[in-house]
Amino acid sequence: MAGAEIRQLLGKNLKRIRLQQGLSQLQLSMKTGLTHNFINDIESGKKWLSSESLEKFAAVLKAEPHHFFIPDSGDASVMKIDPYLINFSDSLQKMAHELQQRYGSNDTAPPPSK
């Protein structure tokens, strides 16, 4: 799956979960402290997000971070998760931390420990 496809998947799932919670982009913006334009750009696949933003979305929308990356199986009532996805959230956070260190982000927090 290419980077653009992953952004599209993230955006589609963010929008789906947001709508399931009955929230507008503006309401989600107010609850997360992220701008409405940023949320719109994420949902349209134009921008990526930090692990901190992903955590905010997950907390407000009462979802696990990996839920934003699961392809739609066509059956919204049944969500099948492969065993390797159990630790997906930790792996994603560690990967984000490594990328932030490599590319000089201001975030110096250590990756979460198990």
PDB file of N, CA and C in Angstrom:
ATOM      1  N   MET A   1       0.854  -1.172   0.000  1.00  0.00           N
ATOM      2  CA  MET A   1       0.000   0.000   0.000  1.00  0.00           C
ATOM      3  C   MET A   1       0.900   1.234   0.000  1.00  0.00           C
ATOM      4  N   ALA A   2       0.700   2.135  -0.937  1.00  0.00           N
ATOM      5  CA  ALA A   2       1.513   3.351  -1.065  1.00  0.00           C
ATOM      6  C   ALA A   2       1.093   4.390  -0.037  1.00  0.00           C
ATOM      7  N   GLY A   3       1.979   5.368   0.181  1.00  0.00           N
ATOM      8  CA  GLY A   3       1.726   6.414   1.164  1.00  0.00           C
ATOM      9  C   GLY A   3       0.410   7.143   0.944  1.00  0.00           C
ATOM     10  N   ALA A   4       0.114   7.486  -0.302  1.00  0.00           N
ATOM     11  CA  ALA A   4      -1.134   8.192  -0.595  1.00  0.00           C
ATOM     12  C   ALA A   4      -2.347   7.324  -0.264  1.00  0.00           C
ATOM     13  N   GLU A   5      -2.230   6.026  -0.507  1.00  0.00           N
ATOM     14  CA  GLU A   5      -3.337   5.114  -0.192  1.00  0.00           C
ATOM     15  C   GLU A   5      -3.549   5.008   1.318  1.00  0.00           C
ATOM     16  N   ILE A   6      -2.458   5.037   2.074  1.00  0.00           N
ATOM     17  CA  ILE A   6      -2.569   4.976   3.529  1.00  0.00           C
ATOM     18  C   ILE A   6      -3.221   6.254   4.052  1.00  0.00           C
ATOM     19  N   ARG A   7      -2.830   7.402   3.490  1.00  0.00           N
ATOM     20  CA  ARG A   7      -3.475   8.676   3.897  1.00  0.00           C
ATOM     21  C   ARG A   7      -4.967   8.644   3.581  1.00  0.00           C
ATOM     22  N   GLN A   8      -5.325   8.111   2.410  1.00  0.00           N
ATOM     23  CA  GLN A   8      -6.740   8.017   2.029  1.00  0.00           C
ATOM     24  C   GLN A   8      -7.498   7.094   2.985  1.00  0.00           C
ATOM     25  N   LEU A   9      -6.890   5.960   3.334  1.00  0.00           N
ATOM     26  CA  LEU A   9      -7.515   5.014   4.267  1.00  0.00           C
ATOM     27  C   LEU A   9      -7.717   5.667   5.625  1.00  0.00           C
ATOM     28  N   LEU A  10      -6.695   6.341   6.126  1.00  0.00           N
ATOM     29  CA  LEU A  10      -6.796   7.050   7.395  1.00  0.00           C
ATOM     30  C   LEU A  10      -7.922   8.078   7.350  1.00  0.00           C
ATOM     31  N   GLY A  11      -7.951   8.880   6.292  1.00  0.00           N
ATOM     32  CA  GLY A  11      -8.981   9.916   6.167  1.00  0.00           C
ATOM     33  C   GLY A  11     -10.386   9.343   6.099  1.00  0.00           C
ATOM     34  N   LYS A  12     -10.538   8.290   5.329  1.00  0.00           N
ATOM     35  CA  LYS A  12     -11.850   7.646   5.192  1.00  0.00           C
ATOM     36  C   LYS A  12     -12.326   7.094   6.533  1.00  0.00           C
ATOM     37  N   ASN A  13     -11.419   6.431   7.250  1.00  0.00           N
ATOM     38  CA  ASN A  13     -11.796   5.866   8.545  1.00  0.00           C
ATOM     39  C   ASN A  13     -12.040   6.938   9.597  1.00  0.00           C
ATOM     40  N   LEU A  14     -11.237   7.998   9.581  1.00  0.00           N
ATOM     41  CA  LEU A  14     -11.470   9.102  10.514  1.00  0.00           C
ATOM     42  C   LEU A  14     -12.863   9.679  10.297  1.00  0.00           C
ATOM     43  N   LYS A  15     -13.211   9.920   9.053  1.00  0.00           N
ATOM     44  CA  LYS A  15     -14.531  10.480   8.748  1.00  0.00           C
ATOM     45  C   LYS A  15     -15.643   9.516   9.162  1.00  0.00           C
ATOM     46  N   ARG A  16     -15.475   8.241   8.850  1.00  0.00           N
ATOM     47  CA  ARG A  16     -16.499   7.244   9.194  1.00  0.00           C
ATOM     48  C   ARG A  16     -16.708   7.175  10.708  1.00  0.00           C
ATOM     49  N   ILE A  17     -15.617   7.104  11.452  1.00  0.00           N
ATOM     50  CA  ILE A  17     -15.723   7.005  12.909  1.00  0.00           C
ATOM     51  C   ILE A  17     -16.291   8.300  13.486  1.00  0.00           C
ATOM     52  N   ARG A  18     -15.861   9.449  12.947  1.00  0.00           N
ATOM     53  CA  ARG A  18     -16.388  10.745  13.409  1.00  0.00           C
ATOM     54  C   ARG A  18     -17.897  10.809  13.203  1.00  0.00           C
ATOM     55  N   LEU A  19     -18.354  10.404  12.029  1.00  0.00           N
ATOM     56  CA  LEU A  19     -19.791  10.444  11.735  1.00  0.00           C
ATOM     57  C   LEU A  19     -20.561   9.452  12.593  1.00  0.00           C
ATOM     58  N   GLN A  20     -19.968   8.291  12.875  1.00  0.00           N
ATOM     59  CA  GLN A  20     -20.615   7.321  13.768  1.00  0.00           C
ATOM     60  C   GLN A  20     -20.820   7.915  15.166  1.00  0.00           C
ATOM     61  N   GLN A  21     -19.929   8.786  15.569  1.00  0.00           N
ATOM     62  CA  GLN A  21     -20.039   9.450  16.871  1.00  0.00           C
ATOM     63  C   GLN A  21     -20.945  10.679  16.812  1.00  0.00           C
ATOM     64  N   GLY A  22     -21.430  10.999  15.606  1.00  0.00           N
ATOM     65  CA  GLY A  22     -22.344  12.131  15.445  1.00  0.00           C
ATOM     66  C   GLY A  22     -21.672  13.486  15.571  1.00  0.00           C
ATOM     67  N   LEU A  23     -20.402  13.549  15.196  1.00  0.00           N
ATOM     68  CA  LEU A  23     -19.658  14.803  15.322  1.00  0.00           C
ATOM     69  C   LEU A  23     -19.378  15.418  13.960  1.00  0.00           C
ATOM     70  N   SER A  24     -19.469  16.726  13.890  1.00  0.00           N
ATOM     71  CA  SER A  24     -19.037  17.448  12.699  1.00  0.00           C
ATOM     72  C   SER A  24     -17.528  17.658  12.800  1.00  0.00           C
ATOM     73  N   GLN A  25     -16.922  18.094  11.718  1.00  0.00           N
ATOM     74  CA  GLN A  25     -15.496  18.406  11.773  1.00  0.00           C
ATOM     75  C   GLN A  25     -15.235  19.530  12.773  1.00  0.00           C
ATOM     76  N   LEU A  26     -16.110  20.493  12.828  1.00  0.00           N
ATOM     77  CA  LEU A  26     -15.955  21.601  13.767  1.00  0.00           C
ATOM     78  C   LEU A  26     -16.030  21.113  15.215  1.00  0.00           C
ATOM     79  N   GLN A  27     -16.976  20.235  15.505  1.00  0.00           N
ATOM     80  CA  GLN A  27     -17.082  19.689  16.861  1.00  0.00           C
ATOM     81  C   GLN A  27     -15.841  18.879  17.227  1.00  0.00           C
ATOM     82  N   LEU A  28     -15.343  18.074  16.285  1.00  0.00           N
ATOM     83  CA  LEU A  28     -14.133  17.304  16.536  1.00  0.00           C
ATOM     84  C   LEU A  28     -12.955  18.248  16.756  1.00  0.00           C
ATOM     85  N   SER A  29     -12.916  19.319  16.001  1.00  0.00           N
ATOM     86  CA  SER A  29     -11.875  20.322  16.159  1.00  0.00           C
ATOM     87  C   SER A  29     -11.876  20.902  17.569  1.00  0.00           C
ATOM     88  N   MET A  30     -13.041  21.248  18.054  1.00  0.00           N
ATOM     89  CA  MET A  30     -13.159  21.832  19.393  1.00  0.00           C
ATOM     90  C   MET A  30     -12.751  20.829  20.468  1.00  0.00           C
ATOM     91  N   LYS A  31     -13.080  19.565  20.281  1.00  0.00           N
ATOM     92  CA  LYS A  31     -12.775  18.547  21.287  1.00  0.00           C
ATOM     93  C   LYS A  31     -11.303  18.133  21.288  1.00  0.00           C
ATOM     94  N   THR A  32     -10.646  18.214  20.140  1.00  0.00           N
ATOM     95  CA  THR A  32      -9.251  17.785  20.042  1.00  0.00           C
ATOM     96  C   THR A  32      -8.259  18.939  20.154  1.00  0.00           C
ATOM     97  N   GLY A  33      -8.723  20.153  19.901  1.00  0.00           N
ATOM     98  CA  GLY A  33      -7.809  21.290  19.876  1.00  0.00           C
ATOM     99  C   GLY A  33      -7.067  21.411  18.550  1.00  0.00           C
ATOM    100  N   LEU A  34      -7.454  20.604  17.566  1.00  0.00           N
ATOM    101  CA  LEU A  34      -6.865  20.667  16.232  1.00  0.00           C
ATOM    102  C   LEU A  34      -7.765  21.523  15.344  1.00  0.00           C
ATOM    103  N   THR A  35      -7.201  22.160  14.350  1.00  0.00           N
ATOM    104  CA  THR A  35      -8.013  23.054  13.520  1.00  0.00           C
ATOM    105  C   THR A  35      -8.948  22.280  12.604  1.00  0.00           C
ATOM    106  N   HIS A  36     -10.050  22.928  12.284  1.00  0.00           N
ATOM    107  CA  HIS A  36     -11.026  22.367  11.355  1.00  0.00           C
ATOM    108  C   HIS A  36     -10.364  22.088  10.009  1.00  0.00           C
ATOM    109  N   ASN A  37      -9.519  23.013   9.540  1.00  0.00           N
ATOM    110  CA  ASN A  37      -8.839  22.837   8.254  1.00  0.00           C
ATOM    111  C   ASN A  37      -7.911  21.619   8.281  1.00  0.00           C
ATOM    112  N   PHE A  38      -7.223  21.404   9.397  1.00  0.00           N
ATOM    113  CA  PHE A  38      -6.333  20.256   9.524  1.00  0.00           C
ATOM    114  C   PHE A  38      -7.145  18.962   9.448  1.00  0.00           C
ATOM    115  N   ILE A  39      -8.260  18.904  10.157  1.00  0.00           N
ATOM    116  CA  ILE A  39      -9.109  17.713  10.131  1.00  0.00           C
ATOM    117  C   ILE A  39      -9.626  17.471   8.715  1.00  0.00           C
ATOM    118  N   ASN A  40     -10.030  18.517   8.037  1.00  0.00           N
ATOM    119  CA  ASN A  40     -10.494  18.401   6.654  1.00  0.00           C
ATOM    120  C   ASN A  40      -9.378  17.861   5.754  1.00  0.00           C
ATOM    121  N   ASP A  41      -8.152  18.363   5.945  1.00  0.00           N
ATOM    122  CA  ASP A  41      -7.025  17.894   5.138  1.00  0.00           C
ATOM    123  C   ASP A  41      -6.687  16.433   5.426  1.00  0.00           C
ATOM    124  N   ILE A  42      -6.822  16.006   6.671  1.00  0.00           N
ATOM    125  CA  ILE A  42      -6.591  14.597   7.014  1.00  0.00           C
ATOM    126  C   ILE A  42      -7.655  13.732   6.350  1.00  0.00           C
ATOM    127  N   GLU A  43      -8.922  14.131   6.493  1.00  0.00           N
ATOM    128  CA  GLU A  43     -10.016  13.332   5.924  1.00  0.00           C
ATOM    129  C   GLU A  43      -9.958  13.267   4.405  1.00  0.00           C
ATOM    130  N   SER A  44      -9.418  14.284   3.768  1.00  0.00           N
ATOM    131  CA  SER A  44      -9.330  14.269   2.308  1.00  0.00           C
ATOM    132  C   SER A  44      -8.026  13.648   1.811  1.00  0.00           C
ATOM    133  N   GLY A  45      -7.179  13.198   2.739  1.00  0.00           N
ATOM    134  CA  GLY A  45      -5.934  12.539   2.361  1.00  0.00           C
ATOM    135  C   GLY A  45      -4.829  13.482   1.941  1.00  0.00           C
ATOM    136  N   LYS A  46      -4.973  14.775   2.214  1.00  0.00           N
ATOM    137  CA  LYS A  46      -3.965  15.757   1.806  1.00  0.00           C
ATOM    138  C   LYS A  46      -2.798  15.846   2.782  1.00  0.00           C
ATOM    139  N   LYS A  47      -3.049  15.549   4.050  1.00  0.00           N
ATOM    140  CA  LYS A  47      -2.011  15.676   5.069  1.00  0.00           C
ATOM    141  C   LYS A  47      -1.918  14.419   5.903  1.00  0.00           C
ATOM    142  N   TRP A  48      -0.757  14.259   6.529  1.00  0.00           N
ATOM    143  CA  TRP A  48      -0.496  13.187   7.472  1.00  0.00           C
ATOM    144  C   TRP A  48      -0.648  13.761   8.865  1.00  0.00           C
ATOM    145  N   LEU A  49      -0.542  12.941   9.887  1.00  0.00           N
ATOM    146  CA  LEU A  49      -0.698  13.428  11.244  1.00  0.00           C
ATOM    147  C   LEU A  49       0.379  12.864  12.141  1.00  0.00           C
ATOM    148  N   SER A  50       0.594  13.530  13.260  1.00  0.00           N
ATOM    149  CA  SER A  50       1.564  13.061  14.240  1.00  0.00           C
ATOM    150  C   SER A  50       0.914  12.000  15.120  1.00  0.00           C
ATOM    151  N   SER A  51       1.740  11.293  15.865  1.00  0.00           N
ATOM    152  CA  SER A  51       1.193  10.305  16.793  1.00  0.00           C
ATOM    153  C   SER A  51       0.352  10.996  17.862  1.00  0.00           C
ATOM    154  N   GLU A  52       0.717  12.226  18.219  1.00  0.00           N
ATOM    155  CA  GLU A  52      -0.059  12.971  19.214  1.00  0.00           C
ATOM    156  C   GLU A  52      -1.469  13.284  18.695  1.00  0.00           C
ATOM    157  N   SER A  53      -1.566  13.681  17.427  1.00  0.00           N
ATOM    158  CA  SER A  53      -2.880  13.958  16.836  1.00  0.00           C
ATOM    159  C   SER A  53      -3.701  12.675  16.737  1.00  0.00           C
ATOM    160  N   LEU A  54      -3.042  11.581  16.378  1.00  0.00           N
ATOM    161  CA  LEU A  54      -3.735  10.295  16.311  1.00  0.00           C
ATOM    162  C   LEU A  54      -4.281   9.919  17.686  1.00  0.00           C
ATOM    163  N   GLU A  55      -3.497  10.145  18.725  1.00  0.00           N
ATOM    164  CA  GLU A  55      -3.953   9.862  20.090  1.00  0.00           C
ATOM    165  C   GLU A  55      -5.169  10.714  20.444  1.00  0.00           C
ATOM    166  N   LYS A  56      -5.165  11.984  20.036  1.00  0.00           N
ATOM    167  CA  LYS A  56      -6.297  12.874  20.321  1.00  0.00           C
ATOM    168  C   LYS A  56      -7.560  12.370  19.621  1.00  0.00           C
ATOM    169  N   PHE A  57      -7.431  12.009  18.342  1.00  0.00           N
ATOM    170  CA  PHE A  57      -8.586  11.481  17.617  1.00  0.00           C
ATOM    171  C   PHE A  57      -9.115  10.220  18.287  1.00  0.00           C
ATOM    172  N   ALA A  58      -8.213   9.321  18.630  1.00  0.00           N
ATOM    173  CA  ALA A  58      -8.621   8.057  19.246  1.00  0.00           C
ATOM    174  C   ALA A  58      -9.336   8.301  20.573  1.00  0.00           C
ATOM    175  N   ALA A  59      -8.807   9.192  21.393  1.00  0.00           N
ATOM    176  CA  ALA A  59      -9.410   9.462  22.704  1.00  0.00           C
ATOM    177  C   ALA A  59     -10.805  10.076  22.558  1.00  0.00           C
ATOM    178  N   VAL A  60     -10.923  11.083  21.716  1.00  0.00           N
ATOM    179  CA  VAL A  60     -12.212  11.769  21.554  1.00  0.00           C
ATOM    180  C   VAL A  60     -13.243  10.862  20.893  1.00  0.00           C
ATOM    181  N   LEU A  61     -12.806  10.078  19.913  1.00  0.00           N
ATOM    182  CA  LEU A  61     -13.735   9.228  19.166  1.00  0.00           C
ATOM    183  C   LEU A  61     -13.906   7.841  19.781  1.00  0.00           C
ATOM    184  N   LYS A  62     -13.249   7.618  20.918  1.00  0.00           N
ATOM    185  CA  LYS A  62     -13.366   6.344  21.642  1.00  0.00           C
ATOM    186  C   LYS A  62     -13.035   5.167  20.725  1.00  0.00           C
ATOM    187  N   ALA A  63     -11.893   5.287  20.040  1.00  0.00           N
ATOM    188  CA  ALA A  63     -11.426   4.251  19.113  1.00  0.00           C
ATOM    189  C   ALA A  63      -9.976   3.938  19.435  1.00  0.00           C
ATOM    190  N   GLU A  64      -9.561   2.759  19.068  1.00  0.00           N
ATOM    191  CA  GLU A  64      -8.151   2.396  19.180  1.00  0.00           C
ATOM    192  C   GLU A  64      -7.421   2.999  17.979  1.00  0.00           C
ATOM    193  N   PRO A  65      -6.183   3.444  18.156  1.00  0.00           N
ATOM    194  CA  PRO A  65      -5.471   4.060  17.031  1.00  0.00           C
ATOM    195  C   PRO A  65      -5.410   3.194  15.776  1.00  0.00           C
ATOM    196  N   HIS A  66      -5.290   1.879  15.933  1.00  0.00           N
ATOM    197  CA  HIS A  66      -5.205   1.027  14.744  1.00  0.00           C
ATOM    198  C   HIS A  66      -6.513   0.977  13.962  1.00  0.00           C
ATOM    199  N   HIS A  67      -7.615   1.349  14.556  1.00  0.00           N
ATOM    200  CA  HIS A  67      -8.895   1.339  13.836  1.00  0.00           C
ATOM    201  C   HIS A  67      -8.885   2.294  12.642  1.00  0.00           C
ATOM    202  N   PHE A  68      -8.023   3.302  12.682  1.00  0.00           N
ATOM    203  CA  PHE A  68      -7.959   4.272  11.587  1.00  0.00           C
ATOM    204  C   PHE A  68      -7.213   3.722  10.375  1.00  0.00           C
ATOM    205  N   PHE A  69      -6.607   2.538  10.503  1.00  0.00           N
ATOM    206  CA  PHE A  69      -5.795   1.977   9.432  1.00  0.00           C
ATOM    207  C   PHE A  69      -6.295   0.631   8.927  1.00  0.00           C
ATOM    208  N   ILE A  70      -7.485   0.232   9.320  1.00  0.00           N
ATOM    209  CA  ILE A  70      -8.033  -1.051   8.897  1.00  0.00           C
ATOM    210  C   ILE A  70      -8.874  -0.848   7.637  1.00  0.00           C
ATOM    211  N   PRO A  71      -8.514  -1.539   6.557  1.00  0.00           N
ATOM    212  CA  PRO A  71      -9.298  -1.412   5.325  1.00  0.00           C
ATOM    213  C   PRO A  71     -10.737  -1.876   5.533  1.00  0.00           C
ATOM    214  N   ASP A  72     -11.656  -1.246   4.843  1.00  0.00           N
ATOM    215  CA  ASP A  72     -13.071  -1.592   4.926  1.00  0.00           C
ATOM    216  C   ASP A  72     -13.289  -2.947   4.276  1.00  0.00           C
ATOM    217  N   SER A  73     -13.851  -3.859   5.054  1.00  0.00           N
ATOM    218  CA  SER A  73     -14.104  -5.202   4.530  1.00  0.00           C
ATOM    219  C   SER A  73     -15.446  -5.290   3.816  1.00  0.00           C
ATOM    220  N   GLY A  74     -16.193  -4.200   3.821  1.00  0.00           N
ATOM    221  CA  GLY A  74     -17.518  -4.218   3.223  1.00  0.00           C
ATOM    222  C   GLY A  74     -18.597  -4.581   4.221  1.00  0.00           C
ATOM    223  N   ASP A  75     -18.214  -5.067   5.377  1.00  0.00           N
ATOM    224  CA  ASP A  75     -19.162  -5.427   6.422  1.00  0.00           C
ATOM    225  C   ASP A  75     -18.796  -4.649   7.678  1.00  0.00           C
ATOM    226  N   ALA A  76     -19.433  -3.503   7.855  1.00  0.00           N
ATOM    227  CA  ALA A  76     -19.102  -2.622   8.976  1.00  0.00           C
ATOM    228  C   ALA A  76     -19.470  -3.238  10.317  1.00  0.00           C
ATOM    229  N   SER A  77     -20.335  -4.252  10.338  1.00  0.00           N
ATOM    230  CA  SER A  77     -20.754  -4.831  11.612  1.00  0.00           C
ATOM    231  C   SER A  77     -19.735  -5.820  12.166  1.00  0.00           C
ATOM    232  N   VAL A  78     -18.828  -6.281  11.308  1.00  0.00           N
ATOM    233  CA  VAL A  78     -17.829  -7.247  11.743  1.00  0.00           C
ATOM    234  C   VAL A  78     -16.451  -6.692  11.399  1.00  0.00           C
ATOM    235  N   MET A  79     -15.635  -6.505  12.430  1.00  0.00           N
ATOM    236  CA  MET A  79     -14.285  -6.019  12.206  1.00  0.00           C
ATOM    237  C   MET A  79     -13.311  -7.140  12.553  1.00  0.00           C
ATOM    238  N   LYS A  80     -12.669  -7.677  11.537  1.00  0.00           N
ATOM    239  CA  LYS A  80     -11.712  -8.751  11.754  1.00  0.00           C
ATOM    240  C   LYS A  80     -10.327  -8.133  11.834  1.00  0.00           C
ATOM    241  N   ILE A  81      -9.611  -8.450  12.900  1.00  0.00           N
ATOM    242  CA  ILE A  81      -8.279  -7.908  13.101  1.00  0.00           C
ATOM    243  C   ILE A  81      -7.303  -9.063  13.184  1.00  0.00           C
ATOM    244  N   ASP A  82      -6.310  -9.051  12.314  1.00  0.00           N
ATOM    245  CA  ASP A  82      -5.285 -10.087  12.340  1.00  0.00           C
ATOM    246  C   ASP A  82      -4.508  -9.986  13.648  1.00  0.00           C
ATOM    247  N   PRO A  83      -3.983 -11.090  14.131  1.00  0.00           N
ATOM    248  CA  PRO A  83      -3.251 -11.081  15.404  1.00  0.00           C
ATOM    249  C   PRO A  83      -2.105 -10.078  15.459  1.00  0.00           C
ATOM    250  N   TYR A  84      -1.438  -9.824  14.316  1.00  0.00           N
ATOM    251  CA  TYR A  84      -0.318  -8.897  14.342  1.00  0.00           C
ATOM    252  C   TYR A  84      -0.739  -7.463  14.628  1.00  0.00           C
ATOM    253  N   LEU A  85      -2.022  -7.144  14.508  1.00  0.00           N
ATOM    254  CA  LEU A  85      -2.492  -5.780  14.756  1.00  0.00           C
ATOM    255  C   LEU A  85      -2.674  -5.466  16.240  1.00  0.00           C
ATOM    256  N   ILE A  86      -2.568  -6.470  17.096  1.00  0.00           N
ATOM    257  CA  ILE A  86      -2.769  -6.247  18.525  1.00  0.00           C
ATOM    258  C   ILE A  86      -1.812  -5.189  19.050  1.00  0.00           C
ATOM    259  N   ASN A  87      -0.569  -5.228  18.613  1.00  0.00           N
ATOM    260  CA  ASN A  87       0.428  -4.272  19.073  1.00  0.00           C
ATOM    261  C   ASN A  87       0.670  -3.158  18.057  1.00  0.00           C
ATOM    262  N   PHE A  88      -0.247  -2.977  17.131  1.00  0.00           N
ATOM    263  CA  PHE A  88      -0.074  -1.994  16.072  1.00  0.00           C
ATOM    264  C   PHE A  88       0.095  -0.583  16.620  1.00  0.00           C
ATOM    265  N   SER A  89      -0.672  -0.219  17.610  1.00  0.00           N
ATOM    266  CA  SER A  89      -0.592   1.126  18.170  1.00  0.00           C
ATOM    267  C   SER A  89       0.800   1.414  18.716  1.00  0.00           C
ATOM    268  N   ASP A  90       1.355   0.481  19.499  1.00  0.00           N
ATOM    269  CA  ASP A  90       2.711   0.665  20.030  1.00  0.00           C
ATOM    270  C   ASP A  90       3.724   0.760  18.901  1.00  0.00           C
ATOM    271  N   SER A  91       3.589  -0.098  17.908  1.00  0.00           N
ATOM    272  CA  SER A  91       4.523  -0.074  16.790  1.00  0.00           C
ATOM    273  C   SER A  91       4.436   1.232  16.027  1.00  0.00           C
ATOM    274  N   LEU A  92       3.244   1.735  15.805  1.00  0.00           N
ATOM    275  CA  LEU A  92       3.057   2.990  15.098  1.00  0.00           C
ATOM    276  C   LEU A  92       3.664   4.148  15.875  1.00  0.00           C
ATOM    277  N   GLN A  93       3.472   4.167  17.188  1.00  0.00           N
ATOM    278  CA  GLN A  93       4.041   5.227  17.998  1.00  0.00           C
ATOM    279  C   GLN A  93       5.564   5.176  17.988  1.00  0.00           C
ATOM    280  N   LYS A  94       6.140   3.986  18.067  1.00  0.00           N
ATOM    281  CA  LYS A  94       7.598   3.852  18.020  1.00  0.00           C
ATOM    282  C   LYS A  94       8.133   4.312  16.673  1.00  0.00           C
ATOM    283  N   MET A  95       7.435   3.926  15.603  1.00  0.00           N
ATOM    284  CA  MET A  95       7.856   4.325  14.272  1.00  0.00           C
ATOM    285  C   MET A  95       7.800   5.850  14.134  1.00  0.00           C
ATOM    286  N   ALA A  96       6.740   6.458  14.632  1.00  0.00           N
ATOM    287  CA  ALA A  96       6.610   7.913  14.559  1.00  0.00           C
ATOM    288  C   ALA A  96       7.736   8.583  15.338  1.00  0.00           C
ATOM    289  N   HIS A  97       8.056   8.045  16.500  1.00  0.00           N
ATOM    290  CA  HIS A  97       9.140   8.611  17.303  1.00  0.00           C
ATOM    291  C   HIS A  97      10.472   8.521  16.553  1.00  0.00           C
ATOM    292  N   GLU A  98      10.742   7.371  15.941  1.00  0.00           N
ATOM    293  CA  GLU A  98      11.986   7.203  15.186  1.00  0.00           C
ATOM    294  C   GLU A  98      12.059   8.183  14.021  1.00  0.00           C
ATOM    295  N   LEU A  99      10.949   8.383  13.323  1.00  0.00           N
ATOM    296  CA  LEU A  99      10.924   9.338  12.215  1.00  0.00           C
ATOM    297  C   LEU A  99      11.118  10.760  12.706  1.00  0.00           C
ATOM    298  N   GLN A 100      10.514  11.082  13.852  1.00  0.00           N
ATOM    299  CA  GLN A 100      10.686  12.417  14.405  1.00  0.00           C
ATOM    300  C   GLN A 100      12.133  12.659  14.783  1.00  0.00           C
ATOM    301  N   GLN A 101      12.793  11.654  15.344  1.00  0.00           N
ATOM    302  CA  GLN A 101      14.210  11.794  15.695  1.00  0.00           C
ATOM    303  C   GLN A 101      15.065  11.933  14.437  1.00  0.00           C
ATOM    304  N   ARG A 102      14.770  11.121  13.433  1.00  0.00           N
ATOM    305  CA  ARG A 102      15.562  11.131  12.200  1.00  0.00           C
ATOM    306  C   ARG A 102      15.446  12.450  11.465  1.00  0.00           C
ATOM    307  N   TYR A 103      14.246  13.035  11.432  1.00  0.00           N
ATOM    308  CA  TYR A 103      14.027  14.238  10.645  1.00  0.00           C
ATOM    309  C   TYR A 103      13.972  15.508  11.479  1.00  0.00           C
ATOM    310  N   GLY A 104      14.413  15.423  12.735  1.00  0.00           N
ATOM    311  CA  GLY A 104      14.616  16.621  13.535  1.00  0.00           C
ATOM    312  C   GLY A 104      13.382  17.278  14.098  1.00  0.00           C
ATOM    313  N   SER A 105      12.388  16.528  14.458  1.00  0.00           N
ATOM    314  CA  SER A 105      11.196  17.099  15.076  1.00  0.00           C
ATOM    315  C   SER A 105      11.539  17.627  16.457  1.00  0.00           C
ATOM    316  N   ASN A 106      10.725  18.541  16.959  1.00  0.00           N
ATOM    317  CA  ASN A 106      10.904  19.097  18.289  1.00  0.00           C
ATOM    318  C   ASN A 106      10.468  18.134  19.387  1.00  0.00           C
ATOM    319  N   ASP A 107       9.755  17.091  19.039  1.00  0.00           N
ATOM    320  CA  ASP A 107       9.255  16.143  20.027  1.00  0.00           C
ATOM    321  C   ASP A 107      10.398  15.225  20.438  1.00  0.00           C
ATOM    322  N   THR A 108      10.790  15.297  21.716  1.00  0.00           N
ATOM    323  CA  THR A 108      11.889  14.484  22.205  1.00  0.00           C
ATOM    324  C   THR A 108      11.429  13.443  23.203  1.00  0.00           C
ATOM    325  N   ALA A 109      10.145  13.225  23.320  1.00  0.00           N
ATOM    326  CA  ALA A 109       9.622  12.238  24.257  1.00  0.00           C
ATOM    327  C   ALA A 109      10.032  10.850  23.810  1.00  0.00           C
ATOM    328  N   PRO A 110      10.393   9.975  24.759  1.00  0.00           N
ATOM    329  CA  PRO A 110      10.777   8.611  24.389  1.00  0.00           C
ATOM    330  C   PRO A 110       9.559   7.824  23.931  1.00  0.00           C
ATOM    331  N   PRO A 111       9.788   6.762  23.159  1.00  0.00           N
ATOM    332  CA  PRO A 111       8.655   5.940  22.728  1.00  0.00           C
ATOM    333  C   PRO A 111       8.030   5.252  23.938  1.00  0.00           C
ATOM    334  N   PRO A 112       6.741   4.933  23.835  1.00  0.00           N
ATOM    335  CA  PRO A 112       6.065   4.286  24.961  1.00  0.00           C
ATOM    336  C   PRO A 112       6.702   2.929  25.252  1.00  0.00           C
ATOM    337  N   SER A 113       6.768   2.613  26.516  1.00  0.00           N
ATOM    338  CA  SER A 113       7.308   1.300  26.896  1.00  0.00           C
ATOM    339  C   SER A 113       6.169   0.358  27.173  1.00  0.00           C
ATOM    340  N   LYS A 114       6.457  -0.915  27.041  1.00  0.00           N
ATOM    341  CA  LYS A 114       5.410  -1.927  27.255  1.00  0.00           C
ATOM    342  C   LYS A 114       5.324  -2.287  28.702  1.00  0.00           C
TER     343      LYS A 114
END
